[in-house]
């Protein structure tokens, strides 16, 4: 989301832009919409393994294709709430303020929503932040079951609102409202991923080039150590060196941190941009659970389930016993039997199919807090090691209490839940946090490394806190903001005048 959007922002600035992608284009094939292929066989996940703090191995939730994880994301693109940019007091500690304000990012949120074609209804959610322009498209209409569920929630005094979704549901658009969106590649290019909406349009410029199946191995520097000079790339079986005036890492929070650490040299023995010792630290992924509610009396014939969001518990204050922020509730893509088999061994498929046909399925998301002990490192063999221990769990537990009660009051009494672990890292962030103080951050407010004048990192690694909503739109908005900053450095006019 970061690299593709930035390439789009720089496509007409006059500079030559090279995109280096370790994967290839995700193939358009029948297996894109086959739940067994996608979820059971993990057809689109790499065979790569990362280590945990106990020297065990796990398969990370990453996808190495043009467009990255957005090829399989659920296309939910909400803004952070305005208070997320300030210090926020949680039950487990303080979520720190950002070096920029919501108002600094707001015009770029507008541009990102336009670029990705977001559907929604501003103001329906009482936690919605202020905006200067409406969303480009109206909300995605709910199927009858979800419309009825929304009404049942409203009768409880809750405020379910349309979830901001980036799919091509405009008049004459490609979207089929199928049941294979969240977690699946889109065969008809109707999901607004970074490949379809940013990279491919950028490649129409003669100034933008893409290398696929090319792994950025390390970033090189000049003799004085104040600037980087290019990237060593493993391409087509050989090591090649690419010289560049500016280098932007946008590999995802874990892999960008790993790239900087892997680029250590005599002048930067701890890794590039790491004079603070913070590269790889403060890793966050949200506290996430799946909550499945089953009403055996009613069939849920919904295909596209991700049409509403409940943020009544987001900021806290509505529970006298727990006045702290709790988080976000939103449906996931409609569960199918093949998607459930990995978590419930020995249950016959017919039973899973019966349960899935009567279920409504929720993603319960709470903020985890930045902790320097939660970090990304490399072992002696160069393997990625993720040391992560969840925190702020009291907030997540309270949100689960409210979510279960919400469903019970809606007549959905049978509930099953599963808390996600270290391998569920699609919301990874925080490993190269930005800030104004070089002693307490890796990047400046425009995502430039404090230590190196021409090195940038533009993915969710820059987040100083994780908030409790999907990070995609904020990554894209900051990429557009960094794009304007780089255009100014390159002598090309930015789209929006940047603040001092």
Foldseek 3Di string as FASTA:
>chain_A
DQVLLLLQLCLPLPAFAEAEFQAEADDQDPCLQPLCVCAVVVVQFDPDWFAEPVRDIDGAPWGRYQLIPLQQALQQFADFFQCLQDWAQAPFGIFHHAQDGCVQLQVLLQVLLVLLVKEFDPPLAVRHHDHDDDRPHHADDFDPVLVLLQVLLVVVVFRKTWGTGRFQPPVVGQDPQALSHRRGGDSRLGHRTSVSRGNVVSVVRPSYYYDYSKAFQEWAPDPVQQATFFTWICHPNDTDTDGDPFAEAAPFLQVVLLRQCSHADPVRNRGPLCPLVQQFFQKWFWWKKKKKFFQLVDFDPRGNQFTIKTCPQAQACPDPVGRHRQFIKTWGRQDALSNCPVPDDPDDSVVSRSRSRGITMMMQTGWFHGDRQQGWDADPVSGIYTHDDTTSVVSPVVSVVVVQVSVVSSVGNDMDMDIDDDNHRPLIEANQAEHCDSNVGQAHQLQHGPRYRRYGYQYRNHDSTRRHDRCVSVSSSSSLVNSQVVSVVVVHHRPDDRDD
